[in-house]
Amino acid sequence: MVVQVGNIQIGGPQFTVIAGPCSIESENQFMTTALSVKNSGASILRGGIWKMRTSAKAFQGLGAEAFDIIKKVKAATGLGLVSEVTDVRQIEEIAHIVDGYQIGARNMHNYSLLKELGRQPKPVLLKRGFSAFIDEWIKAADYVLAGGNENVILCERGIRTFETATRNTLDLNAVVYAKKHTQLPVIVDPSHAVGIAELIPQLCYASAAAGADGLIIEAHPNPAQALSDGPQALTLETFDKTMKQLERVLAAFDRRLQKA
């Protein structure tokens, strides 16, 4: 099955990379990142408008202040945008500026939100909950599908285990299983899976080798100053190097990187 996000198809023979910052912080930050990741081979942007954070005191995103920034960046790059919705009221509010809705790990079990997205025409990128069984993840997707929206992309983003060396544990078993037991495209988020920037490139290559349809990666011009998830964001230079090596890995499996 192929799902179209803007002008880009996910789930076909080509490999798709979605990239951008965890949160949109300013016009300069988002524009710089977007132009750079596009030049490196990303074909869809990511960028948080609202952010669900463990601490209520942490940066929660720009909210509506990000709308004009998004319009300018999309016009300059020609790339589509996937961004997270955390509340049913946000769906209509950002429908005019996003090309796909992301459901974060904390909302995988938010069935009211999933049902409402099932009534929407735009694609849904559904992240696996960090304590969810694969079966629960697939059944969460069924809530969207049952509403009539067949444009669902599954995203493995790591699960919580007894291991504490990394933020989560990337479950590539889930990627292979979902590819064999569903018709939906499956992508991987190595940034949230490991939470440590220096480990992310190798997980990108492993995800491609495991048969994923794409990646969603966090990148930032200056991760040390990022307002959210800085430790897991790649610098723009590292992202570019990772993409070049990723193309070599894909070639070994007779696949190509989809570019805008």
C-alpha atoms as a PDB file:
ATOM      1  CA  MET A   1       0.000   0.000   0.000  1.00  0.00           C
ATOM      2  CA  VAL A   2       1.205   3.482  -0.851  1.00  0.00           C
ATOM      3  CA  VAL A   3       0.271   6.599   1.135  1.00  0.00           C
ATOM      4  CA  GLN A   4       0.687  10.037  -0.404  1.00  0.00           C
ATOM      5  CA  VAL A   5       1.941  12.887   1.788  1.00  0.00           C
ATOM      6  CA  GLY A   6       1.812  16.054  -0.287  1.00  0.00           C
ATOM      7  CA  ASN A   7       3.613  15.137  -3.511  1.00  0.00           C
ATOM      8  CA  ILE A   8       5.565  12.248  -1.976  1.00  0.00           C
ATOM      9  CA  GLN A   9       4.535   8.599  -1.856  1.00  0.00           C
ATOM     10  CA  ILE A  10       5.462   6.459   1.139  1.00  0.00           C
ATOM     11  CA  GLY A  11       5.347   2.702   0.819  1.00  0.00           C
ATOM     12  CA  GLY A  12       6.414   2.337  -2.787  1.00  0.00           C
ATOM     13  CA  PRO A  13       9.759   1.076  -4.077  1.00  0.00           C
ATOM     14  CA  GLN A  14      11.627   4.207  -2.995  1.00  0.00           C
ATOM     15  CA  PHE A  15      12.784   5.071   0.526  1.00  0.00           C
ATOM     16  CA  THR A  16      11.469   8.284   2.098  1.00  0.00           C
ATOM     17  CA  VAL A  17      13.135  10.472   4.713  1.00  0.00           C
ATOM     18  CA  ILE A  18      11.146  12.958   6.794  1.00  0.00           C
ATOM     19  CA  ALA A  19      13.375  15.397   8.663  1.00  0.00           C
ATOM     20  CA  GLY A  20      13.357  18.585  10.672  1.00  0.00           C
ATOM     21  CA  PRO A  21      13.471  19.888  14.220  1.00  0.00           C
ATOM     22  CA  CYS A  22      11.570  18.451  17.147  1.00  0.00           C
ATOM     23  CA  SER A  23       9.887  21.839  17.602  1.00  0.00           C
ATOM     24  CA  ILE A  24       9.562  24.880  15.386  1.00  0.00           C
ATOM     25  CA  GLU A  25      11.339  27.558  17.426  1.00  0.00           C
ATOM     26  CA  SER A  26      11.728  30.493  15.022  1.00  0.00           C
ATOM     27  CA  GLU A  27      11.586  31.317  11.340  1.00  0.00           C
ATOM     28  CA  ASN A  28      15.371  31.294  11.033  1.00  0.00           C
ATOM     29  CA  GLN A  29      15.734  27.932  12.798  1.00  0.00           C
ATOM     30  CA  PHE A  30      13.033  26.206  10.750  1.00  0.00           C
ATOM     31  CA  MET A  31      14.008  27.768   7.413  1.00  0.00           C
ATOM     32  CA  THR A  32      17.697  26.940   7.876  1.00  0.00           C
ATOM     33  CA  THR A  33      16.896  23.364   8.822  1.00  0.00           C
ATOM     34  CA  ALA A  34      14.365  22.835   6.053  1.00  0.00           C
ATOM     35  CA  LEU A  35      16.598  24.106   3.259  1.00  0.00           C
ATOM     36  CA  SER A  36      19.507  22.037   4.527  1.00  0.00           C
ATOM     37  CA  VAL A  37      17.674  18.721   4.959  1.00  0.00           C
ATOM     38  CA  LYS A  38      16.066  19.117   1.545  1.00  0.00           C
ATOM     39  CA  ASN A  39      19.490  19.652  -0.006  1.00  0.00           C
ATOM     40  CA  SER A  40      20.662  16.473   1.750  1.00  0.00           C
ATOM     41  CA  GLY A  41      17.814  14.388   0.328  1.00  0.00           C
ATOM     42  CA  ALA A  42      14.865  14.627   2.720  1.00  0.00           C
ATOM     43  CA  SER A  43      11.562  14.926   0.856  1.00  0.00           C
ATOM     44  CA  ILE A  44       9.136  15.761   3.699  1.00  0.00           C
ATOM     45  CA  LEU A  45       9.518  18.082   6.683  1.00  0.00           C
ATOM     46  CA  ARG A  46       8.736  17.430  10.322  1.00  0.00           C
ATOM     47  CA  GLY A  47       8.325  20.158  12.925  1.00  0.00           C
ATOM     48  CA  GLY A  48       6.313  20.361  16.120  1.00  0.00           C
ATOM     49  CA  ILE A  49       3.701  23.088  16.504  1.00  0.00           C
ATOM     50  CA  TRP A  50       2.493  21.824  19.885  1.00  0.00           C
ATOM     51  CA  LYS A  51       4.655  19.540  21.984  1.00  0.00           C
ATOM     52  CA  MET A  52       3.545  17.120  24.664  1.00  0.00           C
ATOM     53  CA  ARG A  53       6.282  17.222  27.296  1.00  0.00           C
ATOM     54  CA  THR A  54       6.739  15.223  30.479  1.00  0.00           C
ATOM     55  CA  SER A  55       7.306  18.436  32.434  1.00  0.00           C
ATOM     56  CA  ALA A  56       4.648  21.143  32.319  1.00  0.00           C
ATOM     57  CA  LYS A  57       7.471  23.690  32.665  1.00  0.00           C
ATOM     58  CA  ALA A  58       9.227  22.550  29.480  1.00  0.00           C
ATOM     59  CA  PHE A  59       8.828  24.296  26.109  1.00  0.00           C
ATOM     60  CA  GLN A  60       5.400  23.375  24.744  1.00  0.00           C
ATOM     61  CA  GLY A  61       5.843  24.670  21.185  1.00  0.00           C
ATOM     62  CA  LEU A  62       4.920  27.967  19.505  1.00  0.00           C
ATOM     63  CA  GLY A  63       1.359  26.935  18.773  1.00  0.00           C
ATOM     64  CA  ALA A  64      -0.453  29.282  16.398  1.00  0.00           C
ATOM     65  CA  GLU A  65       2.636  31.521  16.226  1.00  0.00           C
ATOM     66  CA  ALA A  66       4.220  28.838  14.028  1.00  0.00           C
ATOM     67  CA  PHE A  67       1.588  29.032  11.282  1.00  0.00           C
ATOM     68  CA  ASP A  68       3.091  31.929   9.312  1.00  0.00           C
ATOM     69  CA  ILE A  69       6.571  30.427   9.703  1.00  0.00           C
ATOM     70  CA  ILE A  70       5.342  27.142   8.236  1.00  0.00           C
ATOM     71  CA  LYS A  71       3.747  28.874   5.252  1.00  0.00           C
ATOM     72  CA  LYS A  72       7.000  30.695   4.445  1.00  0.00           C
ATOM     73  CA  VAL A  73       9.151  27.581   4.817  1.00  0.00           C
ATOM     74  CA  LYS A  74       6.847  25.423   2.712  1.00  0.00           C
ATOM     75  CA  ALA A  75       6.778  28.082  -0.008  1.00  0.00           C
ATOM     76  CA  ALA A  76      10.579  28.336   0.003  1.00  0.00           C
ATOM     77  CA  THR A  77      11.255  24.586  -0.062  1.00  0.00           C
ATOM     78  CA  GLY A  78       8.250  23.084  -1.833  1.00  0.00           C
ATOM     79  CA  LEU A  79       8.203  20.313   0.787  1.00  0.00           C
ATOM     80  CA  GLY A  80       5.177  18.959   2.610  1.00  0.00           C
ATOM     81  CA  LEU A  81       4.948  18.961   6.403  1.00  0.00           C
ATOM     82  CA  VAL A  82       3.947  16.344   8.946  1.00  0.00           C
ATOM     83  CA  SER A  83       3.184  17.679  12.423  1.00  0.00           C
ATOM     84  CA  GLU A  84       1.735  16.277  15.614  1.00  0.00           C
ATOM     85  CA  VAL A  85      -1.817  16.864  16.803  1.00  0.00           C
ATOM     86  CA  THR A  86      -2.563  16.274  20.473  1.00  0.00           C
ATOM     87  CA  ASP A  87      -6.204  17.316  20.612  1.00  0.00           C
ATOM     88  CA  VAL A  88      -9.184  16.938  18.259  1.00  0.00           C
ATOM     89  CA  ARG A  89      -9.576  20.730  18.214  1.00  0.00           C
ATOM     90  CA  GLN A  90      -6.172  21.104  16.572  1.00  0.00           C
ATOM     91  CA  ILE A  91      -7.069  19.020  13.505  1.00  0.00           C
ATOM     92  CA  GLU A  92      -9.125  21.688  11.761  1.00  0.00           C
ATOM     93  CA  GLU A  93      -6.871  24.466  13.055  1.00  0.00           C
ATOM     94  CA  ILE A  94      -3.815  23.206  11.144  1.00  0.00           C
ATOM     95  CA  ALA A  95      -5.537  21.495   8.202  1.00  0.00           C
ATOM     96  CA  HIS A  96      -4.542  24.364   5.897  1.00  0.00           C
ATOM     97  CA  ILE A  97      -0.814  24.114   6.615  1.00  0.00           C
ATOM     98  CA  VAL A  98       0.011  20.424   7.136  1.00  0.00           C
ATOM     99  CA  ASP A  99       0.139  17.555   4.664  1.00  0.00           C
ATOM    100  CA  GLY A 100      -0.112  14.830   7.284  1.00  0.00           C
ATOM    101  CA  TYR A 101      -1.059  14.467  10.931  1.00  0.00           C
ATOM    102  CA  GLN A 102       1.278  12.781  13.383  1.00  0.00           C
ATOM    103  CA  ILE A 103      -0.022  10.898  16.408  1.00  0.00           C
ATOM    104  CA  GLY A 104       2.643  10.770  19.095  1.00  0.00           C
ATOM    105  CA  ALA A 105       3.390   7.800  21.316  1.00  0.00           C
ATOM    106  CA  ARG A 106       1.402   9.217  24.225  1.00  0.00           C
ATOM    107  CA  ASN A 107      -1.728   9.486  22.068  1.00  0.00           C
ATOM    108  CA  MET A 108      -1.653   6.069  20.410  1.00  0.00           C
ATOM    109  CA  HIS A 109      -4.455   5.018  22.786  1.00  0.00           C
ATOM    110  CA  ASN A 110      -6.418   8.273  22.378  1.00  0.00           C
ATOM    111  CA  TYR A 111      -9.300   6.633  20.542  1.00  0.00           C
ATOM    112  CA  SER A 112     -11.403   9.795  20.273  1.00  0.00           C
ATOM    113  CA  LEU A 113      -8.535  11.473  18.440  1.00  0.00           C
ATOM    114  CA  LEU A 114      -7.976   8.419  16.223  1.00  0.00           C
ATOM    115  CA  LYS A 115     -11.665   8.247  15.323  1.00  0.00           C
ATOM    116  CA  GLU A 116     -11.726  11.913  14.350  1.00  0.00           C
ATOM    117  CA  LEU A 117      -8.642  11.477  12.176  1.00  0.00           C
ATOM    118  CA  GLY A 118     -10.444   8.587  10.514  1.00  0.00           C
ATOM    119  CA  ARG A 119     -12.893  11.161   9.146  1.00  0.00           C
ATOM    120  CA  GLN A 120     -10.127  13.296   7.644  1.00  0.00           C
ATOM    121  CA  PRO A 121      -8.764  13.032   4.099  1.00  0.00           C
ATOM    122  CA  LYS A 122      -5.130  13.688   5.031  1.00  0.00           C
ATOM    123  CA  PRO A 123      -2.694  10.911   5.983  1.00  0.00           C
ATOM    124  CA  VAL A 124      -1.962   9.919   9.555  1.00  0.00           C
ATOM    125  CA  LEU A 125       1.494   8.942  10.830  1.00  0.00           C
ATOM    126  CA  LEU A 126       0.819   6.736  13.846  1.00  0.00           C
ATOM    127  CA  LYS A 127       3.656   6.287  16.313  1.00  0.00           C
ATOM    128  CA  ARG A 128       3.745   3.198  18.484  1.00  0.00           C
ATOM    129  CA  GLY A 129       3.231   3.825  22.192  1.00  0.00           C
ATOM    130  CA  PHE A 130       6.388   3.258  24.201  1.00  0.00           C
ATOM    131  CA  SER A 131       4.710   0.482  26.208  1.00  0.00           C
ATOM    132  CA  ALA A 132       2.412  -0.855  23.497  1.00  0.00           C
ATOM    133  CA  PHE A 133       2.320  -4.351  22.069  1.00  0.00           C
ATOM    134  CA  ILE A 134       2.602  -4.589  18.284  1.00  0.00           C
ATOM    135  CA  ASP A 135      -0.971  -5.865  18.188  1.00  0.00           C
ATOM    136  CA  GLU A 136      -2.208  -2.793  20.098  1.00  0.00           C
ATOM    137  CA  TRP A 137      -0.366  -0.544  17.651  1.00  0.00           C
ATOM    138  CA  ILE A 138      -1.984  -2.229  14.653  1.00  0.00           C
ATOM    139  CA  LYS A 139      -5.406  -2.106  16.302  1.00  0.00           C
ATOM    140  CA  ALA A 140      -4.944   1.605  16.984  1.00  0.00           C
ATOM    141  CA  ALA A 141      -4.415   2.042  13.238  1.00  0.00           C
ATOM    142  CA  ASP A 142      -7.688   0.186  12.699  1.00  0.00           C
ATOM    143  CA  TYR A 143      -9.543   3.005  14.467  1.00  0.00           C
ATOM    144  CA  VAL A 144      -8.381   5.413  11.755  1.00  0.00           C
ATOM    145  CA  LEU A 145      -9.011   2.930   8.950  1.00  0.00           C
ATOM    146  CA  ALA A 146     -12.507   2.142  10.241  1.00  0.00           C
ATOM    147  CA  GLY A 147     -13.435   5.806   9.909  1.00  0.00           C
ATOM    148  CA  GLY A 148     -12.730   5.690   6.192  1.00  0.00           C
ATOM    149  CA  ASN A 149      -9.218   7.145   6.132  1.00  0.00           C
ATOM    150  CA  GLU A 150      -7.002   4.479   4.583  1.00  0.00           C
ATOM    151  CA  ASN A 151      -3.933   6.720   4.525  1.00  0.00           C
ATOM    152  CA  VAL A 152      -2.146   5.445   7.622  1.00  0.00           C
ATOM    153  CA  ILE A 153       1.612   5.122   8.097  1.00  0.00           C
ATOM    154  CA  LEU A 154       2.924   3.118  11.045  1.00  0.00           C
ATOM    155  CA  CYS A 155       5.962   4.492  12.877  1.00  0.00           C
ATOM    156  CA  GLU A 156       8.156   2.457  15.230  1.00  0.00           C
ATOM    157  CA  ARG A 157       9.832   4.862  17.679  1.00  0.00           C
ATOM    158  CA  GLY A 158      11.253   2.607  20.346  1.00  0.00           C
ATOM    159  CA  ILE A 159       9.727   0.962  23.384  1.00  0.00           C
ATOM    160  CA  ARG A 160      10.432   1.188  27.091  1.00  0.00           C
ATOM    161  CA  THR A 161      12.433  -1.778  28.404  1.00  0.00           C
ATOM    162  CA  PHE A 162      14.644  -2.473  31.407  1.00  0.00           C
ATOM    163  CA  GLU A 163      17.605  -0.979  29.501  1.00  0.00           C
ATOM    164  CA  THR A 164      18.637   2.504  30.638  1.00  0.00           C
ATOM    165  CA  ALA A 165      21.695   3.151  28.463  1.00  0.00           C
ATOM    166  CA  THR A 166      19.447   4.617  25.775  1.00  0.00           C
ATOM    167  CA  ARG A 167      16.192   6.565  25.920  1.00  0.00           C
ATOM    168  CA  ASN A 168      14.186   3.626  24.550  1.00  0.00           C
ATOM    169  CA  THR A 169      14.916   0.364  22.732  1.00  0.00           C
ATOM    170  CA  LEU A 170      14.407   0.370  18.965  1.00  0.00           C
ATOM    171  CA  ASP A 171      12.291  -2.656  18.091  1.00  0.00           C
ATOM    172  CA  LEU A 172      13.173  -3.635  14.538  1.00  0.00           C
ATOM    173  CA  ASN A 173      11.238  -6.879  15.135  1.00  0.00           C
ATOM    174  CA  ALA A 174       8.120  -4.709  15.032  1.00  0.00           C
ATOM    175  CA  VAL A 175       9.101  -3.225  11.676  1.00  0.00           C
ATOM    176  CA  VAL A 176       9.547  -6.619  10.047  1.00  0.00           C
ATOM    177  CA  TYR A 177       6.379  -7.974  11.677  1.00  0.00           C
ATOM    178  CA  ALA A 178       4.226  -5.005  10.638  1.00  0.00           C
ATOM    179  CA  LYS A 179       5.527  -5.174   7.076  1.00  0.00           C
ATOM    180  CA  LYS A 180       4.556  -8.846   6.863  1.00  0.00           C
ATOM    181  CA  HIS A 181       1.219  -8.671   8.688  1.00  0.00           C
ATOM    182  CA  THR A 182      -0.282  -5.378   7.475  1.00  0.00           C
ATOM    183  CA  GLN A 183      -0.583  -3.580   4.156  1.00  0.00           C
ATOM    184  CA  LEU A 184       0.459  -0.270   5.710  1.00  0.00           C
ATOM    185  CA  PRO A 185       3.753   1.555   5.114  1.00  0.00           C
ATOM    186  CA  VAL A 186       6.119   1.349   8.087  1.00  0.00           C
ATOM    187  CA  ILE A 187       8.733   3.959   8.945  1.00  0.00           C
ATOM    188  CA  VAL A 188      11.195   4.291  11.834  1.00  0.00           C
ATOM    189  CA  ASP A 189      11.978   7.160  14.201  1.00  0.00           C
ATOM    190  CA  PRO A 190      15.540   6.449  15.421  1.00  0.00           C
ATOM    191  CA  SER A 191      15.755   9.832  17.161  1.00  0.00           C
ATOM    192  CA  HIS A 192      13.172   9.018  19.833  1.00  0.00           C
ATOM    193  CA  ALA A 193      14.201   5.383  19.891  1.00  0.00           C
ATOM    194  CA  VAL A 194      17.722   5.961  21.139  1.00  0.00           C
ATOM    195  CA  GLY A 195      17.784   9.578  22.303  1.00  0.00           C
ATOM    196  CA  ILE A 196      21.528   9.869  21.650  1.00  0.00           C
ATOM    197  CA  ALA A 197      22.590  11.633  18.464  1.00  0.00           C
ATOM    198  CA  GLU A 198      25.836   9.726  17.906  1.00  0.00           C
ATOM    199  CA  LEU A 199      23.960   6.400  17.700  1.00  0.00           C
ATOM    200  CA  ILE A 200      21.286   7.508  15.242  1.00  0.00           C
ATOM    201  CA  PRO A 201      23.127   7.068  11.888  1.00  0.00           C
ATOM    202  CA  GLN A 202      23.713   3.347  12.459  1.00  0.00           C
ATOM    203  CA  LEU A 203      20.060   2.852  13.429  1.00  0.00           C
ATOM    204  CA  CYS A 204      19.038   4.593  10.206  1.00  0.00           C
ATOM    205  CA  TYR A 205      21.066   2.090   8.191  1.00  0.00           C
ATOM    206  CA  ALA A 206      19.723  -0.864  10.191  1.00  0.00           C
ATOM    207  CA  SER A 207      16.139   0.318   9.663  1.00  0.00           C
ATOM    208  CA  ALA A 208      16.668   0.504   5.922  1.00  0.00           C
ATOM    209  CA  ALA A 209      18.200  -2.984   5.913  1.00  0.00           C
ATOM    210  CA  ALA A 210      15.223  -4.310   7.913  1.00  0.00           C
ATOM    211  CA  GLY A 211      12.841  -3.232   5.158  1.00  0.00           C
ATOM    212  CA  ALA A 212      11.353  -0.029   6.549  1.00  0.00           C
ATOM    213  CA  ASP A 213       9.726   2.307   4.027  1.00  0.00           C
ATOM    214  CA  GLY A 214      11.396   5.377   5.451  1.00  0.00           C
ATOM    215  CA  LEU A 215      12.684   7.348   8.422  1.00  0.00           C
ATOM    216  CA  ILE A 216      11.643  10.377  10.433  1.00  0.00           C
ATOM    217  CA  ILE A 217      14.739  12.079  11.845  1.00  0.00           C
ATOM    218  CA  GLU A 218      15.279  15.114  14.053  1.00  0.00           C
ATOM    219  CA  ALA A 219      17.846  17.643  12.841  1.00  0.00           C
ATOM    220  CA  HIS A 220      18.717  21.087  14.171  1.00  0.00           C
ATOM    221  CA  PRO A 221      21.234  23.838  13.278  1.00  0.00           C
ATOM    222  CA  ASN A 222      22.502  23.902  16.877  1.00  0.00           C
ATOM    223  CA  PRO A 223      21.265  20.937  18.947  1.00  0.00           C
ATOM    224  CA  ALA A 224      22.952  22.252  22.108  1.00  0.00           C
ATOM    225  CA  GLN A 225      20.570  25.218  22.045  1.00  0.00           C
ATOM    226  CA  ALA A 226      17.435  23.331  20.968  1.00  0.00           C
ATOM    227  CA  LEU A 227      14.369  24.063  23.097  1.00  0.00           C
ATOM    228  CA  SER A 228      13.330  20.404  22.992  1.00  0.00           C
ATOM    229  CA  ASP A 229      15.108  17.065  22.434  1.00  0.00           C
ATOM    230  CA  GLY A 230      18.508  18.573  21.668  1.00  0.00           C
ATOM    231  CA  PRO A 231      20.517  15.466  22.673  1.00  0.00           C
ATOM    232  CA  GLN A 232      18.824  13.374  19.988  1.00  0.00           C
ATOM    233  CA  ALA A 233      18.959  15.906  17.147  1.00  0.00           C
ATOM    234  CA  LEU A 234      21.560  15.519  14.426  1.00  0.00           C
ATOM    235  CA  THR A 235      23.528  18.541  13.347  1.00  0.00           C
ATOM    236  CA  LEU A 236      22.860  19.499   9.750  1.00  0.00           C
ATOM    237  CA  GLU A 237      26.367  18.358   8.819  1.00  0.00           C
ATOM    238  CA  THR A 238      25.884  14.941  10.432  1.00  0.00           C
ATOM    239  CA  PHE A 239      22.481  14.593   8.799  1.00  0.00           C
ATOM    240  CA  ASP A 240      24.058  15.218   5.396  1.00  0.00           C
ATOM    241  CA  LYS A 241      26.768  12.598   5.990  1.00  0.00           C
ATOM    242  CA  THR A 242      24.146  10.126   7.226  1.00  0.00           C
ATOM    243  CA  MET A 243      22.053  10.595   4.101  1.00  0.00           C
ATOM    244  CA  LYS A 244      25.016   9.967   1.829  1.00  0.00           C
ATOM    245  CA  GLN A 245      25.818   6.701   3.609  1.00  0.00           C
ATOM    246  CA  LEU A 246      22.126   5.768   3.688  1.00  0.00           C
ATOM    247  CA  GLU A 247      22.017   5.918  -0.101  1.00  0.00           C
ATOM    248  CA  ARG A 248      24.872   3.393  -0.231  1.00  0.00           C
ATOM    249  CA  VAL A 249      23.016   1.061   2.150  1.00  0.00           C
ATOM    250  CA  LEU A 250      19.828   1.333   0.116  1.00  0.00           C
ATOM    251  CA  ALA A 251      21.726   0.557  -3.086  1.00  0.00           C
ATOM    252  CA  ALA A 252      22.845  -2.746  -1.551  1.00  0.00           C
ATOM    253  CA  PHE A 253      19.161  -3.700  -1.393  1.00  0.00           C
ATOM    254  CA  ASP A 254      18.353  -2.355  -4.876  1.00  0.00           C
ATOM    255  CA  ARG A 255      16.450   0.595  -3.471  1.00  0.00           C
ATOM    256  CA  ARG A 256      16.718   4.329  -4.009  1.00  0.00           C
ATOM    257  CA  LEU A 257      16.194   7.400  -1.852  1.00  0.00           C
ATOM    258  CA  GLN A 258      13.141   9.410  -2.867  1.00  0.00           C
ATOM    259  CA  LYS A 259      14.049  13.044  -3.340  1.00  0.00           C
ATOM    260  CA  ALA A 260      11.774  16.034  -3.758  1.00  0.00           C
END
